[in-house]
Amino acid sequence: MNVTGTFFMAIVTLLDQVITLYIWVVIIAAVVTWVRADPYNPIVQVLNRLTEPVYARIRRIMPTTISGIDFAPIILILALQFVKLFFIQLLYGMAA
Protein backbone atom coordinates (compact mmCIF):
# COMPACT_ATOMS: atom_id res chain seq x y z
CA MET A 1 0.00 0.00 0.00
CA ASN A 2 1.37 3.37 -0.96
CA VAL A 3 1.37 6.59 1.04
CA THR A 4 -1.85 7.88 -0.51
CA GLY A 5 -3.67 4.62 0.28
CA THR A 6 -2.42 4.65 3.85
CA PHE A 7 -3.49 8.27 4.29
CA PHE A 8 -6.94 7.52 2.83
CA MET A 9 -7.25 4.46 5.11
CA ALA A 10 -6.42 6.63 8.14
CA ILE A 11 -9.10 9.18 7.15
CA VAL A 12 -11.71 6.43 6.69
CA THR A 13 -10.79 4.83 10.04
CA LEU A 14 -11.09 8.20 11.76
CA LEU A 15 -14.49 8.78 10.15
CA ASP A 16 -15.62 5.33 11.27
CA GLN A 17 -14.59 6.09 14.86
CA VAL A 18 -16.34 9.48 14.83
CA ILE A 19 -19.58 7.83 13.65
CA THR A 20 -19.28 5.20 16.38
CA LEU A 21 -18.69 7.89 19.00
CA TYR A 22 -21.72 9.86 17.78
CA ILE A 23 -23.88 6.72 17.97
CA TRP A 24 -22.89 6.41 21.63
CA VAL A 25 -23.71 10.09 22.20
CA VAL A 26 -27.18 9.50 20.75
CA ILE A 27 -27.69 6.43 22.96
CA ILE A 28 -26.57 8.28 26.08
CA ALA A 29 -28.77 11.27 25.23
CA ALA A 30 -31.77 8.97 24.79
CA VAL A 31 -31.14 7.28 28.14
CA VAL A 32 -30.76 10.68 29.84
CA THR A 33 -34.20 11.71 28.56
CA TRP A 34 -35.72 8.64 30.21
CA VAL A 35 -34.44 9.59 33.69
CA ARG A 36 -35.41 13.28 33.48
CA ALA A 37 -32.00 14.67 34.32
CA ASP A 38 -31.52 18.29 35.33
CA PRO A 39 -31.64 20.37 32.10
CA TYR A 40 -29.11 22.82 33.59
CA ASN A 41 -26.50 20.10 34.02
CA PRO A 42 -23.58 20.86 31.65
CA ILE A 43 -23.40 17.26 30.42
CA VAL A 44 -27.10 17.24 29.57
CA GLN A 45 -26.73 20.57 27.77
CA VAL A 46 -23.82 19.25 25.69
CA LEU A 47 -25.77 16.12 24.79
CA ASN A 48 -28.74 18.24 23.72
CA ARG A 49 -26.55 20.54 21.64
CA LEU A 50 -25.01 17.54 19.88
CA THR A 51 -28.25 15.70 19.15
CA GLU A 52 -31.16 18.13 18.89
CA PRO A 53 -30.10 19.78 15.58
CA VAL A 54 -29.98 16.38 13.89
CA TYR A 55 -33.27 15.31 15.50
CA ALA A 56 -34.87 18.53 14.20
CA ARG A 57 -33.81 17.70 10.64
CA ILE A 58 -35.23 14.20 10.94
CA ARG A 59 -38.48 15.57 12.39
CA ARG A 60 -38.82 17.97 9.44
CA ILE A 61 -38.58 15.08 6.99
CA MET A 62 -40.94 12.68 8.75
CA PRO A 63 -43.08 12.46 11.88
CA THR A 64 -41.12 10.67 14.59
CA THR A 65 -43.48 10.73 17.56
CA ILE A 66 -45.90 7.83 17.85
CA SER A 67 -48.04 7.48 21.00
CA GLY A 68 -45.79 9.93 22.84
CA ILE A 69 -42.59 8.04 22.03
CA ASP A 70 -39.99 9.87 19.94
CA PHE A 71 -38.32 7.54 17.47
CA ALA A 72 -35.84 10.15 16.15
CA PRO A 73 -32.86 8.61 18.03
CA ILE A 74 -33.62 5.16 16.62
CA ILE A 75 -33.97 6.55 13.08
CA LEU A 76 -30.68 8.42 13.50
CA ILE A 77 -28.86 5.34 14.80
CA LEU A 78 -30.18 3.24 11.92
CA ALA A 79 -29.05 5.88 9.41
CA LEU A 80 -25.60 6.06 10.99
CA GLN A 81 -25.32 2.27 10.99
CA PHE A 82 -26.22 2.26 7.29
CA VAL A 83 -23.47 4.79 6.61
CA LYS A 84 -21.01 2.65 8.56
CA LEU A 85 -21.99 -0.60 6.89
CA PHE A 86 -22.24 0.68 3.35
CA PHE A 87 -20.19 3.81 2.76
CA ILE A 88 -17.38 3.20 5.24
CA GLN A 89 -16.89 -0.36 3.98
CA LEU A 90 -16.94 0.96 0.43
CA LEU A 91 -14.28 3.52 1.31
CA TYR A 92 -12.19 0.85 3.05
CA GLY A 93 -12.33 -1.19 -0.14
CA MET A 94 -11.26 1.80 -2.21
CA ALA A 95 -8.35 2.47 0.15
CA ALA A 96 -7.11 -1.09 -0.11
C-alpha atoms as a PDB file:
ATOM      1  CA  MET A   1       0.000   0.000   0.000  1.00  0.00           C
ATOM      2  CA  ASN A   2       1.365   3.369  -0.956  1.00  0.00           C
ATOM      3  CA  VAL A   3       1.374   6.590   1.039  1.00  0.00           C
ATOM      4  CA  THR A   4      -1.854   7.879  -0.509  1.00  0.00           C
ATOM      5  CA  GLY A   5      -3.670   4.619   0.275  1.00  0.00           C
ATOM      6  CA  THR A   6      -2.419   4.651   3.847  1.00  0.00           C
ATOM      7  CA  PHE A   7      -3.495   8.274   4.294  1.00  0.00           C
ATOM      8  CA  PHE A   8      -6.936   7.515   2.828  1.00  0.00           C
ATOM      9  CA  MET A   9      -7.247   4.455   5.114  1.00  0.00           C
ATOM     10  CA  ALA A  10      -6.416   6.634   8.136  1.00  0.00           C
ATOM     11  CA  ILE A  11      -9.102   9.182   7.154  1.00  0.00           C
ATOM     12  CA  VAL A  12     -11.706   6.429   6.692  1.00  0.00           C
ATOM     13  CA  THR A  13     -10.789   4.835  10.036  1.00  0.00           C
ATOM     14  CA  LEU A  14     -11.091   8.197  11.761  1.00  0.00           C
ATOM     15  CA  LEU A  15     -14.492   8.785  10.146  1.00  0.00           C
ATOM     16  CA  ASP A  16     -15.617   5.325  11.273  1.00  0.00           C
ATOM     17  CA  GLN A  17     -14.589   6.090  14.858  1.00  0.00           C
ATOM     18  CA  VAL A  18     -16.344   9.480  14.825  1.00  0.00           C
ATOM     19  CA  ILE A  19     -19.578   7.835  13.648  1.00  0.00           C
ATOM     20  CA  THR A  20     -19.277   5.195  16.385  1.00  0.00           C
ATOM     21  CA  LEU A  21     -18.689   7.893  18.997  1.00  0.00           C
ATOM     22  CA  TYR A  22     -21.724   9.859  17.783  1.00  0.00           C
ATOM     23  CA  ILE A  23     -23.875   6.721  17.967  1.00  0.00           C
ATOM     24  CA  TRP A  24     -22.887   6.413  21.626  1.00  0.00           C
ATOM     25  CA  VAL A  25     -23.706  10.089  22.196  1.00  0.00           C
ATOM     26  CA  VAL A  26     -27.184   9.498  20.752  1.00  0.00           C
ATOM     27  CA  ILE A  27     -27.690   6.431  22.958  1.00  0.00           C
ATOM     28  CA  ILE A  28     -26.568   8.283  26.080  1.00  0.00           C
ATOM     29  CA  ALA A  29     -28.772  11.273  25.228  1.00  0.00           C
ATOM     30  CA  ALA A  30     -31.773   8.970  24.791  1.00  0.00           C
ATOM     31  CA  VAL A  31     -31.139   7.283  28.145  1.00  0.00           C
ATOM     32  CA  VAL A  32     -30.759  10.680  29.841  1.00  0.00           C
ATOM     33  CA  THR A  33     -34.199  11.711  28.563  1.00  0.00           C
ATOM     34  CA  TRP A  34     -35.716   8.643  30.214  1.00  0.00           C
ATOM     35  CA  VAL A  35     -34.436   9.594  33.688  1.00  0.00           C
ATOM     36  CA  ARG A  36     -35.415  13.278  33.478  1.00  0.00           C
ATOM     37  CA  ALA A  37     -31.995  14.666  34.320  1.00  0.00           C
ATOM     38  CA  ASP A  38     -31.521  18.292  35.328  1.00  0.00           C
ATOM     39  CA  PRO A  39     -31.639  20.367  32.100  1.00  0.00           C
ATOM     40  CA  TYR A  40     -29.108  22.816  33.586  1.00  0.00           C
ATOM     41  CA  ASN A  41     -26.504  20.095  34.019  1.00  0.00           C
ATOM     42  CA  PRO A  42     -23.583  20.856  31.652  1.00  0.00           C
ATOM     43  CA  ILE A  43     -23.396  17.263  30.421  1.00  0.00           C
ATOM     44  CA  VAL A  44     -27.103  17.239  29.567  1.00  0.00           C
ATOM     45  CA  GLN A  45     -26.731  20.567  27.772  1.00  0.00           C
ATOM     46  CA  VAL A  46     -23.821  19.254  25.691  1.00  0.00           C
ATOM     47  CA  LEU A  47     -25.772  16.121  24.787  1.00  0.00           C
ATOM     48  CA  ASN A  48     -28.744  18.237  23.724  1.00  0.00           C
ATOM     49  CA  ARG A  49     -26.547  20.537  21.636  1.00  0.00           C
ATOM     50  CA  LEU A  50     -25.010  17.540  19.876  1.00  0.00           C
ATOM     51  CA  THR A  51     -28.245  15.695  19.148  1.00  0.00           C
ATOM     52  CA  GLU A  52     -31.159  18.135  18.886  1.00  0.00           C
ATOM     53  CA  PRO A  53     -30.096  19.785  15.578  1.00  0.00           C
ATOM     54  CA  VAL A  54     -29.981  16.378  13.886  1.00  0.00           C
ATOM     55  CA  TYR A  55     -33.266  15.314  15.495  1.00  0.00           C
ATOM     56  CA  ALA A  56     -34.875  18.525  14.198  1.00  0.00           C
ATOM     57  CA  ARG A  57     -33.805  17.698  10.640  1.00  0.00           C
ATOM     58  CA  ILE A  58     -35.230  14.201  10.944  1.00  0.00           C
ATOM     59  CA  ARG A  59     -38.483  15.569  12.391  1.00  0.00           C
ATOM     60  CA  ARG A  60     -38.817  17.968   9.441  1.00  0.00           C
ATOM     61  CA  ILE A  61     -38.579  15.079   6.987  1.00  0.00           C
ATOM     62  CA  MET A  62     -40.942  12.680   8.746  1.00  0.00           C
ATOM     63  CA  PRO A  63     -43.078  12.456  11.883  1.00  0.00           C
ATOM     64  CA  THR A  64     -41.119  10.671  14.590  1.00  0.00           C
ATOM     65  CA  THR A  65     -43.481  10.727  17.563  1.00  0.00           C
ATOM     66  CA  ILE A  66     -45.903   7.835  17.851  1.00  0.00           C
ATOM     67  CA  SER A  67     -48.041   7.484  20.997  1.00  0.00           C
ATOM     68  CA  GLY A  68     -45.795   9.926  22.844  1.00  0.00           C
ATOM     69  CA  ILE A  69     -42.587   8.039  22.031  1.00  0.00           C
ATOM     70  CA  ASP A  70     -39.991   9.870  19.937  1.00  0.00           C
ATOM     71  CA  PHE A  71     -38.316   7.543  17.470  1.00  0.00           C
ATOM     72  CA  ALA A  72     -35.837  10.153  16.147  1.00  0.00           C
ATOM     73  CA  PRO A  73     -32.858   8.611  18.027  1.00  0.00           C
ATOM     74  CA  ILE A  74     -33.623   5.160  16.616  1.00  0.00           C
ATOM     75  CA  ILE A  75     -33.965   6.547  13.085  1.00  0.00           C
ATOM     76  CA  LEU A  76     -30.682   8.421  13.496  1.00  0.00           C
ATOM     77  CA  ILE A  77     -28.855   5.342  14.802  1.00  0.00           C
ATOM     78  CA  LEU A  78     -30.180   3.238  11.916  1.00  0.00           C
ATOM     79  CA  ALA A  79     -29.052   5.875   9.406  1.00  0.00           C
ATOM     80  CA  LEU A  80     -25.596   6.060  10.988  1.00  0.00           C
ATOM     81  CA  GLN A  81     -25.315   2.268  10.987  1.00  0.00           C
ATOM     82  CA  PHE A  82     -26.221   2.261   7.287  1.00  0.00           C
ATOM     83  CA  VAL A  83     -23.468   4.792   6.612  1.00  0.00           C
ATOM     84  CA  LYS A  84     -21.010   2.650   8.557  1.00  0.00           C
ATOM     85  CA  LEU A  85     -21.992  -0.605   6.888  1.00  0.00           C
ATOM     86  CA  PHE A  86     -22.243   0.683   3.347  1.00  0.00           C
ATOM     87  CA  PHE A  87     -20.186   3.812   2.765  1.00  0.00           C
ATOM     88  CA  ILE A  88     -17.377   3.197   5.243  1.00  0.00           C
ATOM     89  CA  GLN A  89     -16.886  -0.356   3.984  1.00  0.00           C
ATOM     90  CA  LEU A  90     -16.940   0.965   0.429  1.00  0.00           C
ATOM     91  CA  LEU A  91     -14.279   3.525   1.311  1.00  0.00           C
ATOM     92  CA  TYR A  92     -12.190   0.852   3.054  1.00  0.00           C
ATOM     93  CA  GLY A  93     -12.333  -1.189  -0.143  1.00  0.00           C
ATOM     94  CA  MET A  94     -11.261   1.797  -2.212  1.00  0.00           C
ATOM     95  CA  ALA A  95      -8.348   2.470   0.150  1.00  0.00           C
ATOM     96  CA  ALA A  96      -7.113  -1.095  -0.112  1.00  0.00           C
END
